[in-house]
Amino acid sequence: MMSTNDFIGELANIALVTPAELSLETPLDSLEMWDSMAQVATVAMVDESLGAQLPAGGLGACKTIGDIVNLVRDKLKD
């Protein structure tokens, strides 16, 4: 299983920022590279790394990094 910090690190890779730039409170719309391709990459990463599928429309409803973490909370080891 992946930790929350590892998951945020993966999101940082997708958004092309350093993990230190992200927190659970980081608004997605503040990330320059958070676009439809980043969302597709996030769905693929969740599937590949966590063996989980995000609920339909779930990612689109997210406003912060914490919202994404909450979608997969039960798949994280902490």
Protein backbone atom coordinates (compact mmCIF):
# COMPACT_ATOMS: atom_id res chain seq x y z
CA MET A 1 0.00 0.00 0.00
CA MET A 2 1.04 3.57 -0.63
CA SER A 3 1.30 6.22 2.10
CA THR A 4 -0.47 9.56 1.85
CA ASN A 5 2.89 11.31 1.44
CA ASP A 6 3.86 8.94 -1.39
CA PHE A 7 0.49 9.56 -3.04
CA ILE A 8 0.98 13.33 -2.79
CA GLY A 9 4.45 12.81 -4.28
CA GLU A 10 2.88 11.04 -7.25
CA LEU A 11 0.40 13.91 -7.66
CA ALA A 12 3.34 16.34 -7.56
CA ASN A 13 5.01 14.41 -10.40
CA ILE A 14 1.82 14.66 -12.45
CA ALA A 15 1.42 18.40 -11.72
CA LEU A 16 5.14 19.01 -12.42
CA VAL A 17 5.82 20.53 -9.01
CA THR A 18 7.88 19.37 -6.03
CA PRO A 19 6.10 17.44 -3.29
CA ALA A 20 7.02 20.26 -0.88
CA GLU A 21 4.82 22.60 -2.94
CA LEU A 22 1.72 20.50 -2.24
CA SER A 23 -0.34 20.07 0.91
CA LEU A 24 -3.81 18.71 1.52
CA GLU A 25 -5.06 22.31 1.35
CA THR A 26 -3.46 23.12 -2.03
CA PRO A 27 -6.20 24.26 -4.46
CA LEU A 28 -6.02 22.36 -7.73
CA ASP A 29 -6.74 25.51 -9.70
CA SER A 30 -3.53 27.03 -8.31
CA LEU A 31 -1.47 24.39 -10.14
CA GLU A 32 -0.49 25.61 -13.59
CA MET A 33 -0.16 22.08 -15.00
CA TRP A 34 -3.44 20.74 -13.51
CA ASP A 35 -5.43 20.19 -16.67
CA SER A 36 -7.39 17.42 -18.35
CA MET A 37 -4.21 15.50 -19.14
CA ALA A 38 -3.14 15.68 -15.49
CA GLN A 39 -6.56 14.35 -14.51
CA VAL A 40 -6.21 11.43 -16.93
CA ALA A 41 -2.72 10.74 -15.56
CA THR A 42 -4.12 10.81 -12.01
CA VAL A 43 -6.84 8.29 -12.88
CA ALA A 44 -4.18 6.04 -14.47
CA MET A 45 -1.85 6.42 -11.45
CA VAL A 46 -4.63 5.53 -9.01
CA ASP A 47 -5.49 2.47 -11.09
CA GLU A 48 -1.87 1.34 -11.49
CA SER A 49 -0.48 2.23 -8.05
CA LEU A 50 -3.49 1.56 -5.84
CA GLY A 51 -5.49 -0.91 -7.90
CA ALA A 52 -8.50 1.34 -7.50
CA GLN A 53 -10.88 3.15 -9.78
CA LEU A 54 -12.04 6.66 -9.00
CA PRO A 55 -15.81 7.12 -8.93
CA ALA A 56 -17.27 8.62 -12.09
CA GLY A 57 -17.05 12.39 -11.83
CA GLY A 58 -15.19 12.10 -8.54
CA LEU A 59 -11.97 13.70 -9.69
CA GLY A 60 -13.77 16.52 -11.48
CA ALA A 61 -15.52 17.47 -8.25
CA CYS A 62 -12.24 17.80 -6.36
CA LYS A 63 -11.09 21.30 -5.45
CA THR A 64 -7.96 20.50 -3.39
CA ILE A 65 -5.24 17.87 -3.09
CA GLY A 66 -7.02 16.74 0.08
CA ASP A 67 -10.21 16.08 -1.89
CA ILE A 68 -8.28 13.68 -4.14
CA VAL A 69 -6.67 12.00 -1.13
CA ASN A 70 -10.13 11.53 0.40
CA LEU A 71 -11.29 9.70 -2.75
CA VAL A 72 -8.63 7.03 -2.19
CA ARG A 73 -8.24 7.25 1.61
CA ASP A 74 -9.20 3.59 2.12
CA LYS A 75 -6.41 2.50 -0.26
CA LEU A 76 -3.65 4.40 1.60
CA LYS A 77 -1.75 2.81 4.47
CA ASP A 78 -2.05 5.79 6.78
